[in-house]
Amino acid sequence: MHAGLYAFSSIVSPNQIHAEIDQLSAERQVLWQQLSVGLDPNVKSEIKNIDDRLQELWHSLRLEKARLRFGERDEIVRRARAEERLERAA
């Protein structure tokens, strides 16, 4: 149904991730209303799929915000290792 996690290096902005979160949340709300009328296994399954996707999107959003704030993970690790080598040499 929905794509997997957004890649770190993609050109997906936090606003785009938020837009998908908003869309899925609205879909989920409609499905919950349908489920309140009567138990439907298909609706229940769709809600679970949306919940799983929302969890992925929130994770992606946190990662993307961290990347924007602190830089690429590889660069952070490289700097940390360089600092560690300097501390050991001192």
N, C-alpha and C. Protein backbone atom coordinates (compact mmCIF):
# COMPACT_ATOMS: atom_id res chain seq x y z
N MET A 1 0.82 -1.20 0.00
CA MET A 1 0.00 0.00 0.00
C MET A 1 0.86 1.26 0.00
N HIS A 2 1.69 1.40 1.01
CA HIS A 2 2.52 2.60 1.13
C HIS A 2 3.98 2.23 0.98
N ALA A 3 4.78 3.20 0.60
CA ALA A 3 6.22 2.97 0.44
C ALA A 3 6.86 2.71 1.79
N GLY A 4 8.07 2.20 1.78
CA GLY A 4 8.80 1.92 3.01
C GLY A 4 9.37 3.19 3.60
N LEU A 5 10.28 3.02 4.52
CA LEU A 5 10.92 4.16 5.18
C LEU A 5 11.60 5.05 4.17
N TYR A 6 11.55 6.33 4.43
CA TYR A 6 12.26 7.26 3.57
C TYR A 6 13.76 7.09 3.82
N ALA A 7 14.52 7.15 2.77
CA ALA A 7 15.98 7.05 2.90
C ALA A 7 16.52 8.37 3.43
N PHE A 8 17.61 8.28 4.18
CA PHE A 8 18.20 9.49 4.75
C PHE A 8 18.62 10.47 3.68
N SER A 9 19.17 9.95 2.60
CA SER A 9 19.74 10.83 1.58
C SER A 9 18.72 11.31 0.56
N SER A 10 17.48 10.87 0.70
CA SER A 10 16.48 11.31 -0.27
C SER A 10 16.16 12.79 -0.07
N ILE A 11 15.40 13.32 -1.00
CA ILE A 11 15.06 14.73 -0.94
C ILE A 11 13.66 14.88 -0.36
N VAL A 12 13.39 14.16 0.71
CA VAL A 12 12.09 14.20 1.37
C VAL A 12 12.23 15.13 2.56
N SER A 13 11.41 16.15 2.56
CA SER A 13 11.50 17.13 3.64
C SER A 13 10.59 16.72 4.80
N PRO A 14 10.86 17.25 5.98
CA PRO A 14 9.97 16.99 7.11
C PRO A 14 8.52 17.39 6.79
N ASN A 15 8.34 18.43 5.99
CA ASN A 15 6.98 18.83 5.62
C ASN A 15 6.29 17.76 4.78
N GLN A 16 7.02 17.11 3.89
CA GLN A 16 6.44 16.04 3.08
C GLN A 16 6.06 14.84 3.95
N ILE A 17 6.92 14.52 4.90
CA ILE A 17 6.63 13.41 5.82
C ILE A 17 5.40 13.76 6.65
N HIS A 18 5.34 14.99 7.15
CA HIS A 18 4.18 15.43 7.93
C HIS A 18 2.90 15.37 7.10
N ALA A 19 2.98 15.72 5.84
CA ALA A 19 1.80 15.67 4.97
C ALA A 19 1.26 14.25 4.87
N GLU A 20 2.17 13.28 4.72
CA GLU A 20 1.72 11.89 4.65
C GLU A 20 1.15 11.43 5.99
N ILE A 21 1.78 11.86 7.08
CA ILE A 21 1.26 11.53 8.41
C ILE A 21 -0.16 12.08 8.57
N ASP A 22 -0.37 13.33 8.16
CA ASP A 22 -1.70 13.93 8.26
C ASP A 22 -2.72 13.18 7.42
N GLN A 23 -2.34 12.81 6.20
CA GLN A 23 -3.24 12.09 5.31
C GLN A 23 -3.62 10.73 5.90
N LEU A 24 -2.62 9.99 6.38
CA LEU A 24 -2.89 8.67 6.95
C LEU A 24 -3.70 8.76 8.23
N SER A 25 -3.45 9.80 9.02
CA SER A 25 -4.22 9.99 10.25
C SER A 25 -5.69 10.23 9.93
N ALA A 26 -5.96 11.00 8.89
CA ALA A 26 -7.34 11.26 8.47
C ALA A 26 -7.99 9.96 7.98
N GLU A 27 -7.25 9.17 7.19
CA GLU A 27 -7.77 7.88 6.72
C GLU A 27 -8.08 6.97 7.90
N ARG A 28 -7.18 6.95 8.87
CA ARG A 28 -7.37 6.10 10.05
C ARG A 28 -8.61 6.52 10.82
N GLN A 29 -8.83 7.82 10.94
CA GLN A 29 -10.01 8.31 11.65
C GLN A 29 -11.30 7.83 10.98
N VAL A 30 -11.34 7.88 9.66
CA VAL A 30 -12.51 7.39 8.92
C VAL A 30 -12.70 5.89 9.16
N LEU A 31 -11.61 5.15 9.14
CA LEU A 31 -11.69 3.71 9.36
C LEU A 31 -12.18 3.39 10.77
N TRP A 32 -11.72 4.14 11.76
CA TRP A 32 -12.18 3.93 13.13
C TRP A 32 -13.68 4.20 13.23
N GLN A 33 -14.16 5.20 12.51
CA GLN A 33 -15.60 5.47 12.51
C GLN A 33 -16.36 4.30 11.88
N GLN A 34 -15.81 3.75 10.80
CA GLN A 34 -16.43 2.58 10.17
C GLN A 34 -16.44 1.39 11.13
N LEU A 35 -15.35 1.23 11.85
CA LEU A 35 -15.23 0.11 12.78
C LEU A 35 -16.20 0.25 13.94
N SER A 36 -16.54 1.49 14.31
CA SER A 36 -17.48 1.70 15.42
C SER A 36 -18.89 1.25 15.06
N VAL A 37 -19.19 1.19 13.77
CA VAL A 37 -20.50 0.73 13.31
C VAL A 37 -20.61 -0.79 13.46
N GLY A 38 -19.53 -1.48 13.21
CA GLY A 38 -19.53 -2.93 13.34
C GLY A 38 -18.15 -3.49 13.04
N LEU A 39 -17.83 -4.61 13.66
CA LEU A 39 -16.52 -5.23 13.49
C LEU A 39 -16.35 -5.75 12.06
N ASP A 40 -15.34 -5.25 11.41
CA ASP A 40 -15.01 -5.68 10.04
C ASP A 40 -13.52 -6.02 10.02
N PRO A 41 -13.18 -7.28 9.81
CA PRO A 41 -11.76 -7.68 9.82
C PRO A 41 -10.92 -6.91 8.80
N ASN A 42 -11.49 -6.57 7.65
CA ASN A 42 -10.72 -5.82 6.64
C ASN A 42 -10.38 -4.42 7.14
N VAL A 43 -11.35 -3.77 7.78
CA VAL A 43 -11.10 -2.43 8.32
C VAL A 43 -10.08 -2.51 9.44
N LYS A 44 -10.23 -3.51 10.29
CA LYS A 44 -9.28 -3.69 11.39
C LYS A 44 -7.86 -3.89 10.86
N SER A 45 -7.73 -4.68 9.81
CA SER A 45 -6.43 -4.94 9.19
C SER A 45 -5.85 -3.65 8.58
N GLU A 46 -6.70 -2.88 7.92
CA GLU A 46 -6.25 -1.63 7.31
C GLU A 46 -5.78 -0.64 8.37
N ILE A 47 -6.48 -0.59 9.49
CA ILE A 47 -6.06 0.29 10.60
C ILE A 47 -4.67 -0.13 11.09
N LYS A 48 -4.45 -1.43 11.22
CA LYS A 48 -3.13 -1.90 11.67
C LYS A 48 -2.05 -1.52 10.67
N ASN A 49 -2.35 -1.68 9.37
CA ASN A 49 -1.37 -1.30 8.34
C ASN A 49 -1.05 0.20 8.42
N ILE A 50 -2.07 1.00 8.61
CA ILE A 50 -1.85 2.45 8.72
C ILE A 50 -1.05 2.77 9.97
N ASP A 51 -1.38 2.12 11.09
CA ASP A 51 -0.63 2.35 12.33
C ASP A 51 0.85 2.00 12.15
N ASP A 52 1.12 0.89 11.46
CA ASP A 52 2.51 0.50 11.21
C ASP A 52 3.22 1.55 10.35
N ARG A 53 2.53 2.00 9.31
CA ARG A 53 3.11 3.02 8.42
C ARG A 53 3.35 4.32 9.17
N LEU A 54 2.41 4.71 10.02
CA LEU A 54 2.58 5.94 10.80
C LEU A 54 3.80 5.83 11.71
N GLN A 55 3.98 4.66 12.30
CA GLN A 55 5.15 4.46 13.16
C GLN A 55 6.44 4.64 12.34
N GLU A 56 6.48 4.09 11.14
CA GLU A 56 7.65 4.27 10.26
C GLU A 56 7.86 5.74 9.91
N LEU A 57 6.77 6.42 9.61
CA LEU A 57 6.88 7.84 9.23
C LEU A 57 7.39 8.69 10.38
N TRP A 58 6.88 8.46 11.59
CA TRP A 58 7.37 9.23 12.74
C TRP A 58 8.86 8.97 12.97
N HIS A 59 9.27 7.73 12.79
CA HIS A 59 10.69 7.39 12.92
C HIS A 59 11.51 8.13 11.85
N SER A 60 11.01 8.10 10.62
CA SER A 60 11.70 8.80 9.53
C SER A 60 11.78 10.30 9.80
N LEU A 61 10.71 10.86 10.34
CA LEU A 61 10.70 12.28 10.63
C LEU A 61 11.75 12.63 11.68
N ARG A 62 11.83 11.81 12.74
CA ARG A 62 12.86 12.06 13.76
C ARG A 62 14.26 11.98 13.17
N LEU A 63 14.49 10.96 12.33
CA LEU A 63 15.81 10.81 11.70
C LEU A 63 16.14 11.98 10.78
N GLU A 64 15.17 12.41 10.00
CA GLU A 64 15.41 13.52 9.07
C GLU A 64 15.67 14.81 9.82
N LYS A 65 14.94 15.06 10.90
CA LYS A 65 15.18 16.27 11.70
C LYS A 65 16.58 16.23 12.32
N ALA A 66 16.98 15.07 12.78
CA ALA A 66 18.33 14.93 13.35
C ALA A 66 19.39 15.16 12.28
N ARG A 67 19.15 14.61 11.08
CA ARG A 67 20.11 14.80 9.99
C ARG A 67 20.22 16.28 9.62
N LEU A 68 19.10 16.95 9.55
CA LEU A 68 19.13 18.37 9.22
C LEU A 68 19.83 19.19 10.30
N ARG A 69 19.63 18.80 11.54
CA ARG A 69 20.21 19.56 12.65
C ARG A 69 21.69 19.27 12.84
N PHE A 70 22.07 17.98 12.75
CA PHE A 70 23.44 17.61 13.11
C PHE A 70 24.30 17.17 11.93
N GLY A 71 23.70 16.93 10.78
CA GLY A 71 24.47 16.50 9.61
C GLY A 71 24.30 15.02 9.35
N GLU A 72 24.97 14.57 8.31
CA GLU A 72 24.91 13.16 7.91
C GLU A 72 25.56 12.29 8.97
N ARG A 73 25.02 11.11 9.17
CA ARG A 73 25.52 10.19 10.19
C ARG A 73 26.99 9.86 9.97
N ASP A 74 27.39 9.57 8.75
CA ASP A 74 28.78 9.21 8.47
C ASP A 74 29.73 10.35 8.85
N GLU A 75 29.32 11.58 8.59
CA GLU A 75 30.15 12.73 8.94
C GLU A 75 30.26 12.88 10.46
N ILE A 76 29.18 12.64 11.17
CA ILE A 76 29.20 12.72 12.64
C ILE A 76 30.15 11.67 13.20
N VAL A 77 30.06 10.45 12.69
CA VAL A 77 30.93 9.37 13.15
C VAL A 77 32.38 9.69 12.85
N ARG A 78 32.65 10.22 11.65
CA ARG A 78 34.02 10.59 11.29
C ARG A 78 34.58 11.64 12.24
N ARG A 79 33.79 12.67 12.53
CA ARG A 79 34.25 13.71 13.46
C ARG A 79 34.48 13.15 14.86
N ALA A 80 33.58 12.28 15.32
CA ALA A 80 33.72 11.70 16.66
C ALA A 80 35.00 10.86 16.75
N ARG A 81 35.27 10.10 15.72
CA ARG A 81 36.50 9.28 15.73
C ARG A 81 37.74 10.15 15.69
N ALA A 82 37.69 11.24 14.94
CA ALA A 82 38.84 12.16 14.89
C ALA A 82 39.06 12.79 16.26
N GLU A 83 37.98 13.20 16.93
CA GLU A 83 38.10 13.78 18.26
C GLU A 83 38.64 12.75 19.24
N GLU A 84 38.19 11.51 19.11
CA GLU A 84 38.66 10.44 20.00
C GLU A 84 40.15 10.21 19.82
N ARG A 85 40.62 10.23 18.57
CA ARG A 85 42.06 10.05 18.30
C ARG A 85 42.86 11.22 18.90
N LEU A 86 42.33 12.43 18.80
CA LEU A 86 43.02 13.58 19.37
C LEU A 86 43.10 13.49 20.89
N GLU A 87 42.02 13.03 21.52
CA GLU A 87 42.03 12.88 22.98
C GLU A 87 43.03 11.83 23.43
N ARG A 88 43.12 10.73 22.68
CA ARG A 88 44.09 9.69 23.04
C ARG A 88 45.52 10.16 22.83
N ALA A 89 45.74 11.00 21.84
CA ALA A 89 47.08 11.49 21.54
C ALA A 89 47.53 12.55 22.54
N ALA A 90 46.60 13.19 23.19
CA ALA A 90 46.95 14.27 24.12
C ALA A 90 47.45 13.77 25.45
